Amino acid sequence: MGAFTTFSTLNVDLVKLINSKEDKALVVYVVSTYVGGILSAAAGLVIGRLL
């Protein structure tokens, strides 16, 4: 359930940013969360394989 609630929180934050018309903050938030998450997962896989 942790992933479900985390994803729900992400979506609530995105909707708040969309409604507040803060386009710059929205782009930074989306890029940092999605790209950062994918990069973190990839780094975890690489480190895991090295161990």
PDB file of N, CA and C in Angstrom:
ATOM      1  N   MET A   1       0.813  -1.197   0.000  1.00  0.00           N
ATOM      2  CA  MET A   1       0.000   0.000   0.000  1.00  0.00           C
ATOM      3  C   MET A   1       0.861   1.267   0.000  1.00  0.00           C
ATOM      4  N   GLY A   2       2.127   1.143   0.321  1.00  0.00           N
ATOM      5  CA  GLY A   2       2.985   2.328   0.355  1.00  0.00           C
ATOM      6  C   GLY A   2       3.091   3.001  -0.991  1.00  0.00           C
ATOM      7  N   ALA A   3       3.255   2.211  -2.049  1.00  0.00           N
ATOM      8  CA  ALA A   3       3.362   2.792  -3.388  1.00  0.00           C
ATOM      9  C   ALA A   3       2.050   3.447  -3.795  1.00  0.00           C
ATOM     10  N   PHE A   4       0.938   2.857  -3.413  1.00  0.00           N
ATOM     11  CA  PHE A   4      -0.370   3.421  -3.763  1.00  0.00           C
ATOM     12  C   PHE A   4      -0.557   4.789  -3.117  1.00  0.00           C
ATOM     13  N   THR A   5      -0.243   4.905  -1.843  1.00  0.00           N
ATOM     14  CA  THR A   5      -0.442   6.186  -1.160  1.00  0.00           C
ATOM     15  C   THR A   5       0.574   7.221  -1.626  1.00  0.00           C
ATOM     16  N   THR A   6       1.791   6.802  -1.945  1.00  0.00           N
ATOM     17  CA  THR A   6       2.797   7.736  -2.442  1.00  0.00           C
ATOM     18  C   THR A   6       2.380   8.283  -3.796  1.00  0.00           C
ATOM     19  N   PHE A   7       1.878   7.417  -4.674  1.00  0.00           N
ATOM     20  CA  PHE A   7       1.436   7.864  -5.994  1.00  0.00           C
ATOM     21  C   PHE A   7       0.224   8.778  -5.871  1.00  0.00           C
ATOM     22  N   SER A   8      -0.658   8.502  -4.928  1.00  0.00           N
ATOM     23  CA  SER A   8      -1.820   9.365  -4.707  1.00  0.00           C
ATOM     24  C   SER A   8      -1.382  10.747  -4.246  1.00  0.00           C
ATOM     25  N   THR A   9      -0.402  10.799  -3.364  1.00  0.00           N
ATOM     26  CA  THR A   9       0.118  12.082  -2.893  1.00  0.00           C
ATOM     27  C   THR A   9       0.756  12.858  -4.036  1.00  0.00           C
ATOM     28  N   LEU A  10       1.485  12.163  -4.884  1.00  0.00           N
ATOM     29  CA  LEU A  10       2.091  12.804  -6.058  1.00  0.00           C
ATOM     30  C   LEU A  10       1.010  13.433  -6.930  1.00  0.00           C
ATOM     31  N   ASN A  11      -0.054  12.706  -7.176  1.00  0.00           N
ATOM     32  CA  ASN A  11      -1.136  13.229  -8.015  1.00  0.00           C
ATOM     33  C   ASN A  11      -1.855  14.405  -7.372  1.00  0.00           C
ATOM     34  N   VAL A  12      -2.057  14.367  -6.077  1.00  0.00           N
ATOM     35  CA  VAL A  12      -2.691  15.490  -5.383  1.00  0.00           C
ATOM     36  C   VAL A  12      -1.824  16.738  -5.518  1.00  0.00           C
ATOM     37  N   ASP A  13      -0.517  16.583  -5.339  1.00  0.00           N
ATOM     38  CA  ASP A  13       0.394  17.720  -5.487  1.00  0.00           C
ATOM     39  C   ASP A  13       0.376  18.256  -6.916  1.00  0.00           C
ATOM     40  N   LEU A  14       0.337  17.367  -7.896  1.00  0.00           N
ATOM     41  CA  LEU A  14       0.276  17.810  -9.293  1.00  0.00           C
ATOM     42  C   LEU A  14      -0.999  18.596  -9.573  1.00  0.00           C
ATOM     43  N   VAL A  15      -2.119  18.122  -9.077  1.00  0.00           N
ATOM     44  CA  VAL A  15      -3.394  18.822  -9.287  1.00  0.00           C
ATOM     45  C   VAL A  15      -3.372  20.189  -8.613  1.00  0.00           C
ATOM     46  N   LYS A  16      -2.797  20.270  -7.418  1.00  0.00           N
ATOM     47  CA  LYS A  16      -2.690  21.557  -6.731  1.00  0.00           C
ATOM     48  C   LYS A  16      -1.858  22.543  -7.543  1.00  0.00           C
ATOM     49  N   LEU A  17      -0.745  22.067  -8.102  1.00  0.00           N
ATOM     50  CA  LEU A  17       0.097  22.947  -8.909  1.00  0.00           C
ATOM     51  C   LEU A  17      -0.603  23.363 -10.200  1.00  0.00           C
ATOM     52  N   ILE A  18      -1.339  22.458 -10.806  1.00  0.00           N
ATOM     53  CA  ILE A  18      -2.087  22.799 -12.021  1.00  0.00           C
ATOM     54  C   ILE A  18      -3.142  23.842 -11.707  1.00  0.00           C
ATOM     55  N   ASN A  19      -3.871  23.655 -10.624  1.00  0.00           N
ATOM     56  CA  ASN A  19      -4.925  24.604 -10.250  1.00  0.00           C
ATOM     57  C   ASN A  19      -4.384  25.968  -9.848  1.00  0.00           C
ATOM     58  N   SER A  20      -3.168  26.014  -9.332  1.00  0.00           N
ATOM     59  CA  SER A  20      -2.592  27.288  -8.899  1.00  0.00           C
ATOM     60  C   SER A  20      -1.907  28.023 -10.049  1.00  0.00           C
ATOM     61  N   LYS A  21      -1.908  27.408 -11.226  1.00  0.00           N
ATOM     62  CA  LYS A  21      -1.331  28.026 -12.431  1.00  0.00           C
ATOM     63  C   LYS A  21       0.160  28.300 -12.302  1.00  0.00           C
ATOM     64  N   GLU A  22       0.856  27.521 -11.498  1.00  0.00           N
ATOM     65  CA  GLU A  22       2.302  27.679 -11.342  1.00  0.00           C
ATOM     66  C   GLU A  22       2.998  26.710 -12.297  1.00  0.00           C
ATOM     67  N   ASP A  23       3.105  27.136 -13.552  1.00  0.00           N
ATOM     68  CA  ASP A  23       3.627  26.263 -14.599  1.00  0.00           C
ATOM     69  C   ASP A  23       5.087  25.874 -14.366  1.00  0.00           C
ATOM     70  N   LYS A  24       5.893  26.833 -13.965  1.00  0.00           N
ATOM     71  CA  LYS A  24       7.312  26.551 -13.756  1.00  0.00           C
ATOM     72  C   LYS A  24       7.498  25.531 -12.631  1.00  0.00           C
ATOM     73  N   ALA A  25       6.808  25.727 -11.537  1.00  0.00           N
ATOM     74  CA  ALA A  25       6.898  24.797 -10.410  1.00  0.00           C
ATOM     75  C   ALA A  25       6.373  23.424 -10.811  1.00  0.00           C
ATOM     76  N   LEU A  26       5.332  23.395 -11.623  1.00  0.00           N
ATOM     77  CA  LEU A  26       4.758  22.131 -12.084  1.00  0.00           C
ATOM     78  C   LEU A  26       5.783  21.343 -12.902  1.00  0.00           C
ATOM     79  N   VAL A  27       6.442  22.001 -13.840  1.00  0.00           N
ATOM     80  CA  VAL A  27       7.433  21.329 -14.682  1.00  0.00           C
ATOM     81  C   VAL A  27       8.597  20.820 -13.835  1.00  0.00           C
ATOM     82  N   VAL A  28       9.081  21.647 -12.931  1.00  0.00           N
ATOM     83  CA  VAL A  28      10.199  21.237 -12.066  1.00  0.00           C
ATOM     84  C   VAL A  28       9.789  20.041 -11.213  1.00  0.00           C
ATOM     85  N   TYR A  29       8.586  20.063 -10.675  1.00  0.00           N
ATOM     86  CA  TYR A  29       8.111  18.984  -9.822  1.00  0.00           C
ATOM     87  C   TYR A  29       7.962  17.678 -10.604  1.00  0.00           C
ATOM     88  N   VAL A  30       7.362  17.753 -11.784  1.00  0.00           N
ATOM     89  CA  VAL A  30       7.153  16.549 -12.593  1.00  0.00           C
ATOM     90  C   VAL A  30       8.493  15.951 -13.016  1.00  0.00           C
ATOM     91  N   VAL A  31       9.384  16.792 -13.518  1.00  0.00           N
ATOM     92  CA  VAL A  31      10.681  16.294 -13.976  1.00  0.00           C
ATOM     93  C   VAL A  31      11.467  15.710 -12.809  1.00  0.00           C
ATOM     94  N   SER A  32      11.493  16.421 -11.695  1.00  0.00           N
ATOM     95  CA  SER A  32      12.300  15.938 -10.571  1.00  0.00           C
ATOM     96  C   SER A  32      11.738  14.643  -9.981  1.00  0.00           C
ATOM     97  N   THR A  33      10.434  14.506  -9.908  1.00  0.00           N
ATOM     98  CA  THR A  33       9.876  13.295  -9.314  1.00  0.00           C
ATOM     99  C   THR A  33       9.950  12.098 -10.255  1.00  0.00           C
ATOM    100  N   TYR A  34       9.546  12.275 -11.499  1.00  0.00           N
ATOM    101  CA  TYR A  34       9.552  11.140 -12.419  1.00  0.00           C
ATOM    102  C   TYR A  34      10.962  10.776 -12.865  1.00  0.00           C
ATOM    103  N   VAL A  35      11.716  11.756 -13.341  1.00  0.00           N
ATOM    104  CA  VAL A  35      13.082  11.467 -13.803  1.00  0.00           C
ATOM    105  C   VAL A  35      13.954  11.059 -12.621  1.00  0.00           C
ATOM    106  N   GLY A  36      13.817  11.762 -11.511  1.00  0.00           N
ATOM    107  CA  GLY A  36      14.582  11.407 -10.317  1.00  0.00           C
ATOM    108  C   GLY A  36      14.255  10.009  -9.825  1.00  0.00           C
ATOM    109  N   GLY A  37      12.997   9.646  -9.877  1.00  0.00           N
ATOM    110  CA  GLY A  37      12.591   8.308  -9.447  1.00  0.00           C
ATOM    111  C   GLY A  37      13.145   7.215 -10.345  1.00  0.00           C
ATOM    112  N   ILE A  38      13.096   7.445 -11.641  1.00  0.00           N
ATOM    113  CA  ILE A  38      13.623   6.458 -12.593  1.00  0.00           C
ATOM    114  C   ILE A  38      15.134   6.329 -12.443  1.00  0.00           C
ATOM    115  N   LEU A  39      15.824   7.459 -12.305  1.00  0.00           N
ATOM    116  CA  LEU A  39      17.273   7.416 -12.118  1.00  0.00           C
ATOM    117  C   LEU A  39      17.645   6.728 -10.803  1.00  0.00           C
ATOM    118  N   SER A  40      16.882   6.976  -9.763  1.00  0.00           N
ATOM    119  CA  SER A  40      17.147   6.326  -8.475  1.00  0.00           C
ATOM    120  C   SER A  40      16.935   4.823  -8.565  1.00  0.00           C
ATOM    121  N   ALA A  41      15.890   4.409  -9.258  1.00  0.00           N
ATOM    122  CA  ALA A  41      15.641   2.973  -9.433  1.00  0.00           C
ATOM    123  C   ALA A  41      16.766   2.324 -10.234  1.00  0.00           C
ATOM    124  N   ALA A  42      17.211   2.990 -11.290  1.00  0.00           N
ATOM    125  CA  ALA A  42      18.309   2.457 -12.100  1.00  0.00           C
ATOM    126  C   ALA A  42      19.586   2.358 -11.276  1.00  0.00           C
ATOM    127  N   ALA A  43      19.865   3.371 -10.482  1.00  0.00           N
ATOM    128  CA  ALA A  43      21.051   3.345  -9.631  1.00  0.00           C
ATOM    129  C   ALA A  43      20.960   2.200  -8.624  1.00  0.00           C
ATOM    130  N   GLY A  44      19.785   1.970  -8.084  1.00  0.00           N
ATOM    131  CA  GLY A  44      19.591   0.858  -7.150  1.00  0.00           C
ATOM    132  C   GLY A  44      19.840  -0.487  -7.799  1.00  0.00           C
ATOM    133  N   LEU A  45      19.401  -0.635  -9.040  1.00  0.00           N
ATOM    134  CA  LEU A  45      19.643  -1.894  -9.760  1.00  0.00           C
ATOM    135  C   LEU A  45      21.139  -2.097 -10.008  1.00  0.00           C
ATOM    136  N   VAL A  46      21.817  -1.053 -10.426  1.00  0.00           N
ATOM    137  CA  VAL A  46      23.255  -1.160 -10.690  1.00  0.00           C
ATOM    138  C   VAL A  46      24.015  -1.487  -9.404  1.00  0.00           C
ATOM    139  N   ILE A  47      23.709  -0.778  -8.350  1.00  0.00           N
ATOM    140  CA  ILE A  47      24.398  -1.017  -7.077  1.00  0.00           C
ATOM    141  C   ILE A  47      24.087  -2.424  -6.568  1.00  0.00           C
ATOM    142  N   GLY A  48      22.841  -2.846  -6.699  1.00  0.00           N
ATOM    143  CA  GLY A  48      22.457  -4.184  -6.279  1.00  0.00           C
ATOM    144  C   GLY A  48      23.203  -5.273  -7.023  1.00  0.00           C
ATOM    145  N   ARG A  49      23.404  -5.070  -8.300  1.00  0.00           N
ATOM    146  CA  ARG A  49      24.142  -6.067  -9.092  1.00  0.00           C
ATOM    147  C   ARG A  49      25.620  -6.095  -8.739  1.00  0.00           C
ATOM    148  N   LEU A  50      26.161  -4.952  -8.342  1.00  0.00           N
ATOM    149  CA  LEU A  50      27.557  -4.885  -7.973  1.00  0.00           C
ATOM    150  C   LEU A  50      27.833  -5.563  -6.624  1.00  0.00           C
ATOM    151  N   LEU A  51      26.822  -5.612  -5.797  1.00  0.00           N
ATOM    152  CA  LEU A  51      26.982  -6.243  -4.482  1.00  0.00           C
ATOM    153  C   LEU A  51      26.759  -7.708  -4.656  1.00  0.00           C
TER     154      LEU A  51
END
